[in-house]
Amino acid sequence: MSDTIWLAFGLVMVFEGLGPLLAPRGWREMVSQLSQQNDNTLRRIGGCLVAAGSVIAYMMYSRM
């Protein structure tokens, strides 16, 4: 179980690092725009990301 968590954590770090690695200016602009959003908008974005990640994790887990 802990190996799976570390694998997932590593993959998250890889995907999070792709933006600044491949397009630093675009990534900086996106972060700047996100920082100007109000709290409710950020919560909706976060909620959508959590829901999408949960669905993907469930789908991958059910295939094992």
Protein backbone atom coordinates (compact mmCIF):
# COMPACT_ATOMS: atom_id res chain seq x y z
CA MET A 1 0.00 0.00 0.00
CA SER A 2 2.69 2.53 0.90
CA ASP A 3 4.53 1.80 -2.36
CA THR A 4 1.40 2.76 -4.29
CA ILE A 5 1.09 6.02 -2.35
CA TRP A 6 4.73 6.90 -3.04
CA LEU A 7 4.23 6.06 -6.72
CA ALA A 8 1.17 8.30 -6.87
CA PHE A 9 3.04 11.10 -5.07
CA GLY A 10 5.92 10.80 -7.51
CA LEU A 11 3.60 10.94 -10.51
CA VAL A 12 1.88 14.04 -9.12
CA MET A 13 5.28 15.70 -8.75
CA VAL A 14 6.18 14.81 -12.35
CA PHE A 15 2.93 16.21 -13.75
CA GLU A 16 3.11 19.33 -11.58
CA GLY A 17 6.66 19.96 -12.76
CA LEU A 18 5.88 19.69 -16.45
CA GLY A 19 4.27 23.14 -16.64
CA PRO A 20 7.20 25.18 -15.31
CA LEU A 21 9.68 22.94 -17.14
CA LEU A 22 8.13 23.14 -20.60
CA ALA A 23 6.41 26.56 -20.57
CA PRO A 24 7.66 28.75 -17.71
CA ARG A 25 6.15 31.98 -19.04
CA GLY A 26 2.74 30.44 -19.65
CA TRP A 27 2.83 28.72 -16.27
CA ARG A 28 3.70 31.99 -14.54
CA GLU A 29 0.82 33.76 -16.32
CA MET A 30 -1.60 31.00 -15.32
CA VAL A 31 -0.52 31.21 -11.68
CA SER A 32 -0.87 35.00 -11.82
CA GLN A 33 -4.41 34.71 -13.19
CA LEU A 34 -5.33 32.09 -10.58
CA SER A 35 -4.07 34.31 -7.77
CA GLN A 36 -6.51 37.02 -8.87
CA GLN A 37 -9.57 34.74 -8.66
CA ASN A 38 -11.91 34.95 -5.70
CA ASP A 39 -12.10 32.16 -3.12
CA ASN A 40 -15.30 30.60 -4.48
CA THR A 41 -13.84 30.23 -7.97
CA LEU A 42 -10.71 28.60 -6.58
CA ARG A 43 -12.84 26.24 -4.50
CA ARG A 44 -14.80 25.21 -7.60
CA ILE A 45 -11.58 24.60 -9.53
CA GLY A 46 -10.19 22.58 -6.62
CA GLY A 47 -13.41 20.61 -6.28
CA CYS A 48 -13.41 19.76 -9.99
CA LEU A 49 -9.79 18.61 -9.78
CA VAL A 50 -10.53 16.44 -6.72
CA ALA A 51 -13.58 14.91 -8.41
CA ALA A 52 -11.71 14.22 -11.65
CA GLY A 53 -8.75 12.74 -9.77
CA SER A 54 -11.05 10.56 -7.69
CA VAL A 55 -12.80 9.22 -10.79
CA ILE A 56 -9.49 8.47 -12.47
CA ALA A 57 -8.11 6.79 -9.34
CA TYR A 58 -11.27 4.69 -8.98
CA MET A 59 -11.16 3.65 -12.62
CA MET A 60 -7.51 2.66 -12.38
CA TYR A 61 -8.03 0.84 -9.07
CA SER A 62 -11.00 -1.12 -10.43
CA ARG A 63 -8.88 -2.33 -13.36
CA MET A 64 -6.29 -3.92 -11.02
